[in-house]
Amino acid sequence: MGISNYALDTFVAQNMSKLTHLSIKSLSEEFPNVDNWFSQFVFRRIFQVHVPDEKAALAFAIVRRSHAALQEWELASAAAQGDLRSIGNLFSVLRHLESCISSVWQGLEFARKPLGQDYFKNGDGSVYERMNWIYNVSRHFDPLALPQGDTHRVWLSDQAMHTREQTVSFDELREAIRMLARISEKIAGI
């Protein structure tokens, strides 16, 4: 016996019954060397380019977040292929996506100053402002203060991650991952 749509939406997660196919497309073919980024960077440091320790620490921080974002995205993509009416599976996808957006945001924040790039200005509505919002509210919220009817601060639709205030589409998140991954490939020398 399955759980009714009403029960899924009311007692598990907002709009869970509406999920049909999460559009979380794998990036593994686009970044086949992701697991070599660390060793490639280390070999490059040893044999090609002297990188001061403080810049190496920054490089490692960016590459680690980029690597984590890609791993979490792939785990979310794999879990999204499962039964979307499975409560455990839904929370697995959500956890991987929250970890992914966290890693992306942290990596971009580390890269921001050296690249001389601000990703958003408060109130501009850009994807980076919305990502920052979701990143922050997924980490800093009081479950006891959620609005009536909400069981989670962040929830999913087939195309996006949502809060009451902001939405980030999976396509937008995938593009941010790509951008951060390209920075990491440059750091690694790939």
Protein backbone atom coordinates (compact mmCIF):
# COMPACT_ATOMS: atom_id res chain seq x y z
CA MET A 1 0.00 0.00 0.00
CA GLY A 2 1.45 3.38 -1.02
CA ILE A 3 1.20 6.69 0.73
CA SER A 4 -1.42 9.09 -0.63
CA ASN A 5 -0.45 12.32 -2.35
CA TYR A 6 -2.04 14.23 0.51
CA ALA A 7 0.08 12.36 3.06
CA LEU A 8 3.29 12.86 1.05
CA ASP A 9 2.69 16.60 0.70
CA THR A 10 1.41 17.17 4.23
CA PHE A 11 3.53 14.86 6.34
CA VAL A 12 6.76 14.37 4.33
CA ALA A 13 7.71 17.31 2.08
CA GLN A 14 6.07 20.20 0.30
CA ASN A 15 4.87 19.19 -3.19
CA MET A 16 6.47 15.74 -2.97
CA SER A 17 3.53 14.13 -4.78
CA LYS A 18 4.18 16.36 -7.81
CA LEU A 19 7.68 14.96 -8.40
CA THR A 20 7.85 12.92 -11.59
CA HIS A 21 11.40 13.20 -12.93
CA LEU A 22 14.15 15.31 -11.41
CA SER A 23 16.22 16.92 -14.16
CA ILE A 24 19.60 16.38 -12.52
CA LYS A 25 21.78 15.42 -15.50
CA SER A 26 25.16 13.85 -14.86
CA LEU A 27 28.32 15.85 -15.49
CA SER A 28 30.67 12.84 -15.34
CA GLU A 29 31.32 12.76 -19.08
CA GLU A 30 32.14 16.46 -19.12
CA PHE A 31 34.69 16.17 -16.29
CA PRO A 32 36.22 12.68 -16.59
CA ASN A 33 39.48 13.75 -14.90
CA VAL A 34 37.93 15.13 -11.72
CA ASP A 35 39.62 12.52 -9.54
CA ASN A 36 43.02 13.49 -10.97
CA TRP A 37 42.78 17.19 -10.14
CA PHE A 38 44.54 16.86 -6.79
CA SER A 39 47.47 14.76 -7.96
CA GLN A 40 47.81 16.83 -11.14
CA PHE A 41 48.02 20.02 -9.07
CA VAL A 42 50.57 18.49 -6.69
CA PHE A 43 52.74 17.24 -9.58
CA ARG A 44 52.46 20.62 -11.23
CA ARG A 45 53.61 22.28 -8.00
CA ILE A 46 56.53 19.89 -7.66
CA PHE A 47 57.78 19.81 -11.23
CA GLN A 48 56.52 22.87 -13.11
CA VAL A 49 55.41 25.89 -11.17
CA HIS A 50 56.43 27.13 -7.75
CA VAL A 51 53.22 27.95 -5.91
CA PRO A 52 53.64 29.69 -2.55
CA ASP A 53 52.06 27.84 0.35
CA GLU A 54 49.30 30.43 0.89
CA LYS A 55 48.28 30.22 -2.77
CA ALA A 56 48.50 26.43 -2.63
CA ALA A 57 46.13 26.44 0.36
CA LEU A 58 43.69 28.58 -1.61
CA ALA A 59 44.02 26.33 -4.66
CA PHE A 60 43.36 23.23 -2.58
CA ALA A 61 40.33 24.87 -0.95
CA ILE A 62 38.83 25.69 -4.36
CA VAL A 63 39.61 22.30 -5.89
CA ARG A 64 38.28 20.46 -2.83
CA ARG A 65 34.96 22.31 -3.02
CA SER A 66 34.71 21.80 -6.76
CA HIS A 67 35.47 18.10 -6.41
CA ALA A 68 32.89 17.78 -3.63
CA ALA A 69 30.27 19.66 -5.67
CA LEU A 70 30.73 17.30 -8.62
CA GLN A 71 30.61 14.23 -6.37
CA GLU A 72 27.44 15.42 -4.62
CA TRP A 73 25.84 16.32 -7.96
CA GLU A 74 26.58 12.84 -9.30
CA LEU A 75 25.18 11.22 -6.15
CA ALA A 76 22.04 13.37 -6.44
CA SER A 77 21.74 12.46 -10.13
CA ALA A 78 22.01 8.74 -9.34
CA ALA A 79 19.51 8.96 -6.47
CA ALA A 80 17.11 10.95 -8.67
CA GLN A 81 16.81 7.91 -10.91
CA GLY A 82 15.17 6.01 -8.04
CA ASP A 83 11.59 6.03 -6.80
CA LEU A 84 10.64 9.64 -6.12
CA ARG A 85 7.78 8.52 -3.88
CA SER A 86 10.33 6.81 -1.63
CA ILE A 87 10.79 9.03 1.40
CA GLY A 88 14.37 7.88 2.01
CA ASN A 89 15.29 8.38 -1.62
CA LEU A 90 13.84 11.90 -1.69
CA PHE A 91 15.83 12.90 1.38
CA SER A 92 18.96 11.38 -0.13
CA VAL A 93 18.55 13.55 -3.25
CA LEU A 94 17.84 16.64 -1.14
CA ARG A 95 20.85 16.02 1.12
CA HIS A 96 23.20 15.61 -1.85
CA LEU A 97 21.85 18.78 -3.48
CA GLU A 98 22.18 20.80 -0.28
CA SER A 99 25.76 19.56 0.07
CA CYS A 100 26.38 20.34 -3.58
CA ILE A 101 25.13 23.91 -3.37
CA SER A 102 27.16 24.37 -0.20
CA SER A 103 30.36 23.19 -1.90
CA VAL A 104 29.70 25.30 -4.99
CA TRP A 105 29.04 28.41 -2.96
CA GLN A 106 32.09 27.93 -0.75
CA GLY A 107 34.31 27.28 -3.79
CA LEU A 108 33.02 30.37 -5.55
CA GLU A 109 33.51 32.44 -2.42
CA PHE A 110 37.14 31.25 -2.17
CA ALA A 111 37.70 32.09 -5.85
CA ARG A 112 35.93 35.46 -5.72
CA LYS A 113 38.75 37.64 -4.37
CA PRO A 114 41.65 36.23 -6.42
CA LEU A 115 39.53 36.50 -9.56
CA GLY A 116 38.39 39.99 -8.59
CA GLN A 117 34.80 39.02 -9.19
CA ASP A 118 31.73 39.73 -7.14
CA TYR A 119 29.05 37.25 -8.12
CA PHE A 120 26.08 39.33 -7.04
CA LYS A 121 24.92 42.52 -5.41
CA ASN A 122 22.22 42.30 -2.76
CA GLY A 123 18.81 42.44 -4.37
CA ASP A 124 19.93 41.78 -7.95
CA GLY A 125 18.00 38.48 -8.21
CA SER A 126 20.92 36.77 -9.95
CA VAL A 127 21.44 33.05 -9.78
CA TYR A 128 24.37 33.61 -7.42
CA GLU A 129 22.27 35.66 -5.02
CA ARG A 130 19.62 32.92 -5.07
CA MET A 131 22.25 30.20 -4.58
CA ASN A 132 23.69 32.13 -1.66
CA TRP A 133 20.19 32.41 -0.16
CA ILE A 134 19.51 28.68 -0.43
CA TYR A 135 23.00 27.85 0.87
CA ASN A 136 22.47 30.06 3.92
CA VAL A 137 18.92 29.05 4.77
CA SER A 138 19.68 25.34 4.40
CA ARG A 139 22.34 25.75 7.10
CA HIS A 140 20.81 28.40 9.34
CA PHE A 141 17.16 27.96 10.14
CA ASP A 142 15.04 27.08 13.12
CA PRO A 143 12.86 24.04 12.34
CA LEU A 144 10.47 25.15 15.08
CA ALA A 145 9.94 28.49 13.31
CA LEU A 146 8.94 27.16 9.88
CA PRO A 147 5.70 28.61 8.51
CA GLN A 148 2.52 26.59 8.98
CA GLY A 149 2.42 23.76 6.44
CA ASP A 150 6.16 23.69 5.75
CA THR A 151 8.03 20.59 6.81
CA HIS A 152 11.36 21.70 5.28
CA ARG A 153 13.16 24.95 4.62
CA VAL A 154 14.37 23.68 1.22
CA TRP A 155 12.35 21.38 -1.03
CA LEU A 156 12.44 20.08 -4.59
CA SER A 157 10.41 20.23 -7.76
CA ASP A 158 11.24 18.39 -10.96
CA GLN A 159 13.32 21.35 -12.16
CA ALA A 160 14.65 23.16 -9.09
CA MET A 161 15.49 23.61 -5.42
CA HIS A 162 13.04 25.91 -3.61
CA THR A 163 12.56 27.97 -0.51
CA ARG A 164 9.56 30.22 0.04
CA GLU A 165 11.70 33.16 -1.07
CA GLN A 166 14.03 31.83 -3.76
CA THR A 167 14.42 29.13 -6.40
CA VAL A 168 17.54 27.79 -8.11
CA SER A 169 16.96 25.57 -11.11
CA PHE A 170 19.00 22.45 -11.57
CA ASP A 171 20.25 23.92 -14.87
CA GLU A 172 21.50 27.03 -13.03
CA LEU A 173 23.21 24.93 -10.37
CA ARG A 174 24.77 22.70 -13.04
CA GLU A 175 26.18 25.82 -14.80
CA ALA A 176 27.68 27.07 -11.52
CA ILE A 177 29.28 23.65 -10.97
CA ARG A 178 30.70 23.80 -14.50
CA MET A 179 32.17 27.25 -13.88
CA LEU A 180 33.80 26.16 -10.62
CA ALA A 181 35.05 22.93 -12.22
CA ARG A 182 36.70 24.89 -15.04
CA ILE A 183 38.50 27.02 -12.46
CA SER A 184 39.70 23.82 -10.78
CA GLU A 185 40.89 22.38 -14.08
CA LYS A 186 42.99 25.51 -14.63
CA ILE A 187 44.43 25.22 -11.14
CA ALA A 188 45.25 21.56 -11.75
CA GLY A 189 46.73 22.31 -15.16
CA ILE A 190 44.34 20.05 -17.05
